[in-house]
N, C-alpha and C. Protein backbone atom coordinates (compact mmCIF):
# COMPACT_ATOMS: atom_id res chain seq x y z
N UNK A 1 -1.13 -25.14 -5.98
CA UNK A 1 -0.58 -26.25 -5.82
C UNK A 1 0.14 -26.24 -4.17
N UNK A 2 0.40 -24.69 -3.81
CA UNK A 2 1.01 -24.62 -2.64
C UNK A 2 0.03 -24.46 -1.57
N UNK A 3 -1.01 -24.74 -1.91
CA UNK A 3 -2.32 -24.39 -0.84
C UNK A 3 -2.34 -26.05 -0.35
N UNK A 4 -2.24 -26.93 -1.84
CA UNK A 4 -2.09 -28.29 -1.23
C UNK A 4 -1.16 -28.70 -0.52
N UNK A 5 0.14 -27.92 -0.49
CA UNK A 5 1.01 -28.61 0.65
C UNK A 5 0.84 -27.97 1.88
N UNK A 6 0.56 -26.59 2.15
CA UNK A 6 -0.36 -26.33 3.09
C UNK A 6 -1.07 -27.07 3.64
N UNK A 7 -2.07 -27.75 3.31
CA UNK A 7 -3.11 -28.84 3.60
C UNK A 7 -2.22 -29.82 4.34
N UNK A 8 -1.48 -30.36 3.31
CA UNK A 8 -0.50 -31.25 3.85
C UNK A 8 0.09 -31.84 4.66
N UNK A 9 0.82 -30.44 4.79
CA UNK A 9 1.51 -29.73 6.41
C UNK A 9 0.80 -29.89 7.42
N UNK A 10 -0.53 -29.68 7.14
CA UNK A 10 -1.51 -28.97 8.44
C UNK A 10 -2.05 -30.81 8.96
N UNK A 11 -2.02 -31.38 7.75
CA UNK A 11 -2.18 -33.17 7.97
C UNK A 11 -1.36 -33.51 9.29
N UNK A 12 -0.35 -33.60 8.29
CA UNK A 12 0.77 -33.88 9.11
C UNK A 12 1.06 -34.07 10.79
N UNK A 13 1.05 -32.50 10.82
CA UNK A 13 1.28 -31.85 12.20
C UNK A 13 0.17 -32.43 12.90
N UNK A 14 -1.34 -32.43 12.27
CA UNK A 14 -2.45 -32.88 13.12
C UNK A 14 -2.44 -34.80 13.35
N UNK A 15 -1.43 -35.33 12.47
CA UNK A 15 -1.31 -36.76 12.55
C UNK A 15 -0.31 -37.02 13.76
N UNK A 16 0.60 -35.77 14.00
CA UNK A 16 1.92 -36.28 15.15
C UNK A 16 1.26 -35.59 16.36
N UNK A 17 0.40 -34.53 16.13
CA UNK A 17 -0.64 -34.26 17.88
C UNK A 17 -1.15 -35.36 17.77
N UNK A 18 -1.96 -36.19 17.31
CA UNK A 18 -2.75 -37.05 17.64
C UNK A 18 -1.72 -38.27 18.28
N UNK A 19 -1.17 -38.47 17.50
CA UNK A 19 0.13 -39.68 18.07
C UNK A 19 1.09 -39.03 19.35
N UNK A 20 0.89 -37.95 19.53
CA UNK A 20 1.64 -37.94 20.81
C UNK A 20 0.97 -37.66 21.82
N UNK A 21 -0.57 -37.25 21.53
CA UNK A 21 -1.23 -36.81 22.57
C UNK A 21 -2.54 -37.59 23.16
N UNK A 22 -1.92 -38.86 22.68
CA UNK A 22 -3.07 -40.28 22.96
C UNK A 22 -3.28 -40.29 24.59
N UNK A 23 -2.20 -39.85 25.26
CA UNK A 23 -2.93 -39.90 26.71
C UNK A 23 -3.81 -39.10 27.29
N UNK A 24 -4.13 -37.95 26.18
CA UNK A 24 -5.37 -36.80 26.71
C UNK A 24 -6.63 -37.43 27.45
N UNK A 25 -6.78 -37.07 28.05
CA UNK A 25 -8.30 -37.36 28.51
C UNK A 25 -9.35 -37.30 27.97
N UNK A 26 -10.47 -38.23 27.65
CA UNK A 26 -11.40 -37.89 26.74
C UNK A 26 -12.89 -38.16 27.71
N UNK A 27 -13.38 -37.18 27.89
CA UNK A 27 -14.72 -37.31 28.93
C UNK A 27 -16.03 -37.22 28.09
N UNK A 28 -17.08 -37.93 28.85
CA UNK A 28 -18.16 -37.94 28.16
C UNK A 28 -18.75 -36.61 28.93
N UNK A 29 -20.14 -36.24 28.02
CA UNK A 29 -20.78 -35.29 28.58
C UNK A 29 -21.25 -35.77 29.80
N UNK A 30 -21.55 -36.82 30.46
CA UNK A 30 -22.22 -37.26 31.86
C UNK A 30 -21.32 -36.68 32.84
N UNK A 31 -19.84 -37.46 32.27
CA UNK A 31 -18.52 -37.51 33.50
C UNK A 31 -18.50 -35.41 33.65
N UNK A 32 -18.55 -35.00 32.51
CA UNK A 32 -17.96 -33.65 32.81
C UNK A 32 -19.14 -33.35 33.55
N UNK A 33 -20.25 -33.47 33.56
CA UNK A 33 -21.40 -33.01 34.31
C UNK A 33 -21.26 -33.20 35.77
N UNK A 34 -20.60 -34.66 36.06
CA UNK A 34 -20.20 -35.23 37.48
C UNK A 34 -19.41 -34.22 37.76
N UNK A 35 -18.02 -33.97 37.45
CA UNK A 35 -17.06 -33.55 37.95
C UNK A 35 -17.19 -32.19 38.74
N UNK A 36 -16.42 -32.01 39.70
CA UNK A 36 -16.17 -31.03 40.37
C UNK A 36 -15.08 -30.03 39.96
N UNK A 37 -15.70 -28.77 39.48
CA UNK A 37 -15.30 -28.05 38.95
C UNK A 37 -14.01 -26.73 39.32
N UNK A 38 -13.34 -26.65 38.91
CA UNK A 38 -12.41 -25.97 39.60
C UNK A 38 -12.24 -24.40 38.57
N UNK A 39 -12.61 -23.24 39.15
CA UNK A 39 -12.87 -21.99 38.56
C UNK A 39 -11.49 -21.31 38.97
N UNK A 40 -11.81 -20.13 38.63
CA UNK A 40 -10.17 -18.97 39.10
C UNK A 40 -10.27 -19.13 40.70
N UNK A 41 -11.53 -18.85 41.29
CA UNK A 41 -11.03 -18.54 42.90
C UNK A 41 -10.84 -20.09 43.40
N UNK A 42 -11.40 -21.17 42.55
CA UNK A 42 -11.28 -22.61 43.27
C UNK A 42 -9.49 -22.87 43.03
N UNK A 43 -8.98 -22.35 41.76
CA UNK A 43 -7.90 -22.87 41.57
C UNK A 43 -7.03 -22.37 42.45
N UNK A 44 -7.05 -20.73 42.85
CA UNK A 44 -6.49 -20.15 44.13
C UNK A 44 -6.46 -20.87 45.72
N UNK A 45 -7.83 -21.78 46.05
CA UNK A 45 -7.78 -22.43 46.96
C UNK A 45 -7.19 -23.37 47.02
N UNK A 46 -6.98 -24.20 45.63
CA UNK A 46 -6.27 -25.75 45.45
C UNK A 46 -4.65 -25.39 45.72
N UNK A 47 -4.55 -24.25 44.97
CA UNK A 47 -2.65 -24.14 45.20
C UNK A 47 -2.59 -23.72 46.57
N UNK A 48 -3.54 -22.91 47.50
CA UNK A 48 -2.71 -23.02 48.43
C UNK A 48 -2.95 -23.88 49.55
N UNK A 49 -4.08 -25.03 49.05
CA UNK A 49 -4.38 -26.37 49.63
C UNK A 49 -2.82 -27.08 49.77
N UNK A 50 -2.56 -27.16 48.52
CA UNK A 50 -1.11 -28.07 47.99
C UNK A 50 -0.30 -27.59 48.84
N UNK A 51 0.32 -25.97 49.31
CA UNK A 51 1.45 -25.59 49.68
C UNK A 51 0.79 -26.02 51.28
N UNK A 52 -0.24 -25.50 51.50
CA UNK A 52 -0.35 -25.92 53.28
C UNK A 52 0.08 -27.52 53.57
N UNK A 53 -0.61 -28.18 52.72
CA UNK A 53 -0.37 -29.57 53.04
C UNK A 53 0.58 -30.32 52.93
N UNK A 54 1.62 -29.70 51.88
CA UNK A 54 2.87 -29.73 51.94
C UNK A 54 3.90 -29.39 52.64
N UNK A 55 3.25 -27.99 53.16
CA UNK A 55 4.14 -28.17 54.72
C UNK A 55 3.55 -28.43 56.13
N UNK A 56 2.55 -29.32 56.03
CA UNK A 56 2.16 -29.86 57.11
C UNK A 56 1.89 -31.46 56.73
N UNK A 57 2.74 -32.09 56.39
CA UNK A 57 2.39 -33.57 55.98
C UNK A 57 1.97 -34.54 57.18
N UNK A 58 2.41 -34.07 58.62
CA UNK A 58 2.32 -35.01 59.30
C UNK A 58 0.18 -35.08 60.10
N UNK A 59 -0.09 -33.99 59.23
CA UNK A 59 -1.65 -33.89 60.03
C UNK A 59 -2.55 -34.58 59.07
N UNK A 60 -2.05 -35.08 57.63
CA UNK A 60 -2.46 -36.29 56.68
C UNK A 60 -2.66 -37.55 57.06
N UNK A 61 -3.87 -38.35 56.73
CA UNK A 61 -3.61 -40.08 56.91
C UNK A 61 -2.53 -40.48 56.02
N UNK A 62 -2.11 -41.34 56.30
CA UNK A 62 -0.79 -41.53 55.64
C UNK A 62 -1.46 -42.37 54.33
N UNK A 63 -2.45 -42.46 53.87
CA UNK A 63 -3.02 -43.25 52.23
C UNK A 63 -3.07 -41.66 51.62
N UNK A 64 -2.76 -40.55 52.05
CA UNK A 64 -3.47 -39.22 51.42
C UNK A 64 -1.78 -38.74 50.62
N UNK A 65 -1.47 -38.74 49.68
CA UNK A 65 -0.67 -38.67 48.75
C UNK A 65 -0.58 -37.38 48.14
N UNK A 66 0.28 -36.25 48.98
CA UNK A 66 0.28 -35.24 48.60
C UNK A 66 1.43 -34.82 47.43
N UNK A 67 1.89 -35.93 47.24
CA UNK A 67 3.08 -35.54 45.82
C UNK A 67 2.08 -35.91 44.74
N UNK A 68 0.89 -36.57 44.77
CA UNK A 68 -0.14 -36.57 43.75
C UNK A 68 -0.58 -35.32 43.34
N UNK A 69 -0.87 -34.71 44.85
CA UNK A 69 -1.42 -33.36 44.23
C UNK A 69 -0.60 -32.28 43.50
N UNK A 70 0.89 -32.46 43.92
CA UNK A 70 2.04 -31.68 43.19
C UNK A 70 1.96 -32.00 41.94
N UNK A 71 2.21 -33.44 41.52
CA UNK A 71 1.92 -33.83 40.20
C UNK A 71 0.86 -33.09 39.16
N UNK A 72 -0.39 -33.18 39.64
CA UNK A 72 -1.52 -33.01 39.12
C UNK A 72 -0.96 -31.42 38.80
N UNK A 73 -1.10 -30.74 40.05
CA UNK A 73 -0.65 -29.04 39.64
C UNK A 73 0.30 -28.85 38.57
N UNK A 74 1.16 -29.65 38.46
CA UNK A 74 2.51 -29.55 37.52
C UNK A 74 2.27 -29.53 36.19
N UNK A 75 1.21 -30.85 35.83
CA UNK A 75 0.85 -31.06 34.78
C UNK A 75 -0.22 -29.91 34.53
N UNK A 76 -1.09 -29.68 35.34
CA UNK A 76 -1.98 -28.50 34.61
C UNK A 76 -1.11 -27.49 34.31
N UNK A 77 -0.31 -26.73 35.14
CA UNK A 77 0.69 -25.66 34.73
C UNK A 77 1.50 -26.08 33.31
N UNK A 78 1.66 -27.46 33.04
CA UNK A 78 2.55 -27.54 31.81
C UNK A 78 1.60 -27.36 30.29
N UNK A 79 0.62 -28.17 30.98
CA UNK A 79 -0.65 -27.90 29.96
C UNK A 79 -1.46 -27.01 29.47
N UNK A 80 -1.67 -25.90 30.17
CA UNK A 80 -2.71 -24.57 29.92
C UNK A 80 -1.86 -23.94 28.78
N UNK A 81 -0.26 -23.54 28.83
CA UNK A 81 0.31 -22.68 27.77
C UNK A 81 0.09 -23.80 26.53
N UNK A 82 0.07 -24.94 26.39
CA UNK A 82 -0.15 -25.30 25.16
C UNK A 82 -1.57 -25.51 24.40
N UNK A 83 -2.55 -25.28 25.62
CA UNK A 83 -3.69 -25.47 25.45
C UNK A 83 -4.11 -24.05 24.84
N UNK A 84 -3.61 -23.08 25.45
CA UNK A 84 -3.96 -22.07 25.00
C UNK A 84 -3.42 -21.99 23.45
N UNK A 85 -2.35 -22.28 23.06
CA UNK A 85 -1.58 -22.16 21.76
C UNK A 85 -2.76 -23.16 20.63
N UNK A 86 -3.05 -24.25 21.25
CA UNK A 86 -3.91 -24.71 20.06
C UNK A 86 -5.29 -24.21 20.14
N UNK A 87 -5.58 -23.35 21.53
CA UNK A 87 -6.98 -22.69 21.03
C UNK A 87 -7.02 -21.78 20.38
N UNK A 88 -5.51 -20.92 20.46
CA UNK A 88 -5.35 -19.57 19.23
C UNK A 88 -5.17 -20.16 17.71
N UNK A 89 -4.73 -21.31 17.36
CA UNK A 89 -4.55 -22.08 16.47
C UNK A 89 -6.24 -22.30 15.62
N UNK A 90 -6.66 -23.01 16.85
CA UNK A 90 -8.27 -23.19 16.31
C UNK A 90 -9.04 -22.28 15.81
N UNK A 91 -8.88 -21.18 16.72
CA UNK A 91 -9.66 -19.85 16.11
C UNK A 91 -8.82 -19.29 15.18
N UNK A 92 -7.78 -19.69 14.80
CA UNK A 92 -7.38 -19.18 13.35
C UNK A 92 -7.80 -19.70 12.30
N UNK A 93 -7.92 -21.11 12.65
CA UNK A 93 -8.85 -22.22 11.37
C UNK A 93 -9.70 -21.96 11.38
N UNK A 94 -10.63 -21.18 12.36
CA UNK A 94 -12.31 -21.17 11.97
C UNK A 94 -11.98 -19.49 11.38
N UNK A 95 -11.29 -18.48 11.67
CA UNK A 95 -11.39 -17.58 11.17
C UNK A 95 -11.13 -17.51 9.39
N UNK A 96 -9.90 -18.26 8.84
CA UNK A 96 -9.46 -18.81 7.77
C UNK A 96 -10.81 -19.47 7.27
N UNK A 97 -11.21 -20.01 7.80
CA UNK A 97 -12.53 -21.18 7.20
C UNK A 97 -13.87 -20.40 7.14
N UNK A 98 -13.81 -19.19 7.61
CA UNK A 98 -15.37 -18.31 7.42
C UNK A 98 -14.44 -17.27 6.36
N UNK A 99 -13.50 -17.24 6.26
CA UNK A 99 -13.09 -16.21 5.57
C UNK A 99 -13.43 -16.95 3.84
N UNK A 100 -12.70 -18.21 3.94
CA UNK A 100 -12.74 -18.54 2.55
C UNK A 100 -14.05 -18.46 2.24
N UNK A 101 -15.31 -19.08 3.10
CA UNK A 101 -16.39 -19.42 2.66
C UNK A 101 -17.07 -17.92 2.50
N UNK A 102 -16.54 -16.60 2.78
CA UNK A 102 -16.91 -15.26 2.69
C UNK A 102 -16.72 -15.09 1.28
N UNK A 103 -15.31 -15.76 0.82
CA UNK A 103 -14.91 -15.51 -0.44
C UNK A 103 -15.86 -16.22 -1.29
N UNK A 104 -15.81 -17.37 -1.17
CA UNK A 104 -16.99 -18.64 -2.10
C UNK A 104 -18.25 -17.88 -2.21
N UNK A 105 -18.59 -17.48 -1.01
CA UNK A 105 -19.80 -16.52 -1.34
C UNK A 105 -20.08 -15.66 -2.06
N UNK A 106 -19.27 -14.74 -1.70
CA UNK A 106 -19.27 -13.39 -2.43
C UNK A 106 -19.13 -13.57 -3.87
N UNK A 107 -18.05 -14.16 -4.16
CA UNK A 107 -17.85 -14.77 -5.44
C UNK A 107 -18.74 -15.14 -6.45
N UNK A 108 -19.52 -16.38 -5.54
CA UNK A 108 -20.61 -16.97 -6.48
C UNK A 108 -21.73 -15.98 -6.55
N UNK A 109 -22.17 -15.46 -5.43
CA UNK A 109 -23.47 -14.34 -5.65
C UNK A 109 -23.40 -13.40 -7.06
N UNK A 110 -21.92 -12.76 -7.19
CA UNK A 110 -21.29 -11.94 -7.96
C UNK A 110 -21.61 -12.82 -9.81
N UNK A 111 -21.43 -13.97 -9.63
CA UNK A 111 -21.49 -14.77 -10.70
C UNK A 111 -22.93 -14.96 -11.21
N UNK A 112 -23.58 -15.00 -9.97
CA UNK A 112 -24.87 -15.55 -10.28
C UNK A 112 -25.59 -14.37 -10.91
N UNK A 113 -25.22 -13.01 -10.03
CA UNK A 113 -25.60 -11.90 -10.79
C UNK A 113 -25.44 -11.48 -12.04
N UNK A 114 -24.37 -11.79 -12.58
CA UNK A 114 -23.97 -11.85 -13.81
C UNK A 114 -24.71 -13.12 -14.77
N UNK A 115 -24.59 -13.84 -14.18
CA UNK A 115 -25.38 -15.12 -15.22
C UNK A 115 -26.84 -14.69 -15.17
N UNK A 116 -27.71 -14.18 -14.59
CA UNK A 116 -28.86 -13.74 -14.62
C UNK A 116 -28.74 -12.49 -16.05
N UNK A 117 -27.96 -11.76 -15.99
CA UNK A 117 -28.15 -10.56 -17.05
C UNK A 117 -27.60 -11.10 -17.88
N UNK A 118 -26.30 -11.80 -17.99
CA UNK A 118 -25.43 -11.94 -19.56
C UNK A 118 -25.91 -13.69 -19.63
N UNK A 119 -26.42 -14.47 -18.98
CA UNK A 119 -26.56 -15.76 -20.03
C UNK A 119 -28.04 -15.75 -19.98
N UNK A 120 -29.11 -14.99 -20.21
CA UNK A 120 -30.14 -14.95 -20.94
C UNK A 120 -29.75 -15.30 -22.55
N UNK A 121 -30.52 -16.12 -22.94
CA UNK A 121 -30.55 -16.50 -24.74
C UNK A 121 -29.36 -17.38 -24.45
N UNK A 122 -28.50 -17.58 -23.57
CA UNK A 122 -26.88 -18.66 -23.71
C UNK A 122 -27.20 -19.80 -23.56
N UNK A 123 -28.61 -20.34 -23.82
CA UNK A 123 -28.67 -21.82 -23.32
C UNK A 123 -28.59 -22.10 -21.21
N UNK A 124 -28.56 -20.88 -20.78
CA UNK A 124 -28.34 -21.35 -19.30
C UNK A 124 -29.59 -21.09 -18.16
N UNK A 125 -30.78 -21.02 -18.89
CA UNK A 125 -31.82 -21.10 -17.78
C UNK A 125 -31.91 -21.96 -16.89
N UNK A 126 -31.59 -23.02 -17.34
CA UNK A 126 -31.62 -24.62 -16.43
C UNK A 126 -30.75 -23.92 -15.17
N UNK A 127 -29.55 -24.18 -15.41
CA UNK A 127 -28.40 -23.92 -14.66
C UNK A 127 -28.50 -22.75 -13.54
N UNK A 128 -29.20 -21.47 -14.11
CA UNK A 128 -29.80 -20.31 -13.43
C UNK A 128 -30.88 -20.80 -12.50
N UNK A 129 -31.62 -21.44 -12.86
CA UNK A 129 -33.26 -21.34 -11.85
C UNK A 129 -32.30 -22.58 -11.17
N UNK A 130 -31.52 -23.41 -11.35
CA UNK A 130 -30.91 -24.37 -10.13
C UNK A 130 -30.69 -23.71 -9.25
N UNK A 131 -29.78 -22.45 -9.88
CA UNK A 131 -28.92 -21.63 -8.60
C UNK A 131 -29.95 -20.87 -8.18
N UNK A 132 -30.90 -20.34 -8.67
CA UNK A 132 -32.10 -19.57 -7.82
C UNK A 132 -32.98 -20.15 -6.41
N UNK A 133 -32.49 -21.57 -6.83
CA UNK A 133 -33.34 -22.47 -5.74
C UNK A 133 -32.93 -21.84 -4.35
N UNK A 134 -31.53 -21.64 -4.29
CA UNK A 134 -30.61 -21.12 -3.07
C UNK A 134 -31.75 -19.73 -2.69
N UNK A 135 -32.67 -19.16 -3.39
CA UNK A 135 -33.30 -17.85 -2.58
C UNK A 135 -34.50 -17.95 -2.84
N UNK A 136 -35.19 -18.92 -3.02
CA UNK A 136 -36.40 -19.43 -2.87
C UNK A 136 -37.29 -19.15 -1.80
N UNK A 137 -38.05 -18.66 -1.64
CA UNK A 137 -38.65 -18.77 0.10
C UNK A 137 -39.97 -19.74 -0.38
N UNK A 138 -40.39 -20.71 0.63
CA UNK A 138 -41.36 -21.53 1.03
C UNK A 138 -42.84 -20.27 0.79
N UNK A 139 -43.46 -21.02 0.39
CA UNK A 139 -44.71 -20.01 0.02
C UNK A 139 -45.53 -19.85 1.42
N UNK A 140 -45.52 -18.64 2.22
CA UNK A 140 -46.31 -18.42 3.72
C UNK A 140 -47.60 -19.13 3.12
N UNK A 141 -48.06 -19.84 4.48
CA UNK A 141 -49.26 -20.52 4.46
C UNK A 141 -50.53 -18.79 4.26
N UNK A 142 -51.30 -19.37 3.27
CA UNK A 142 -52.44 -18.35 3.29
C UNK A 142 -53.17 -18.25 4.15
N UNK A 143 -53.09 -16.85 4.49
CA UNK A 143 -54.15 -16.52 5.55
C UNK A 143 -54.99 -16.53 5.31
N UNK A 144 -56.24 -17.99 6.28
CA UNK A 144 -57.54 -18.32 6.13
C UNK A 144 -58.54 -17.17 6.56
N UNK A 145 -59.53 -16.91 5.76
CA UNK A 145 -60.68 -15.77 6.21
C UNK A 145 -61.29 -16.00 7.43
N UNK A 146 -61.44 -14.96 8.31
CA UNK A 146 -61.89 -14.83 9.67
C UNK A 146 -62.96 -15.14 9.80
N UNK A 147 -63.79 -16.17 10.14
CA UNK A 147 -64.75 -15.99 10.29
C UNK A 147 -65.71 -15.38 11.08
N UNK A 148 -66.57 -14.14 10.79
CA UNK A 148 -67.35 -13.43 11.76
C UNK A 148 -68.75 -13.72 11.61
N UNK A 149 -68.99 -14.36 13.08
CA UNK A 149 -70.49 -14.58 13.21
C UNK A 149 -71.19 -13.08 12.84
N UNK A 150 -72.54 -13.76 12.08
CA UNK A 150 -73.38 -12.67 11.52
C UNK A 150 -74.67 -12.37 12.98
């Protein structure tokens, strides 16, 4: 029961996130490829450019909005810690999924091993054979005899 409550709380939190984060950008793979990327060194350059351009507004054409640079930099600085929190949560979700899968697989293997031993003569041959399909390897192609010229 508590597991269902946890999942319901996660679903509600995700619904709220989706509702409040509608304004986030969704790029296509092609758009991602075409964008100019900003790495660590480029970020330092951009921050310095914002500073220099803000200190010298007279050198820019009138239609160049230095305020837009400030807005984007402020938004980036506000978004990053939240993105990092979401990435940490996502990693914990993936780790939880992996741990649950591992528990399931370990217990299923243990149960299957017990079924193979204790299930004989109990009318469980059909289910055991069905489970054994997981471990059946496809037969490798028989090597054709090499024709040796005489």
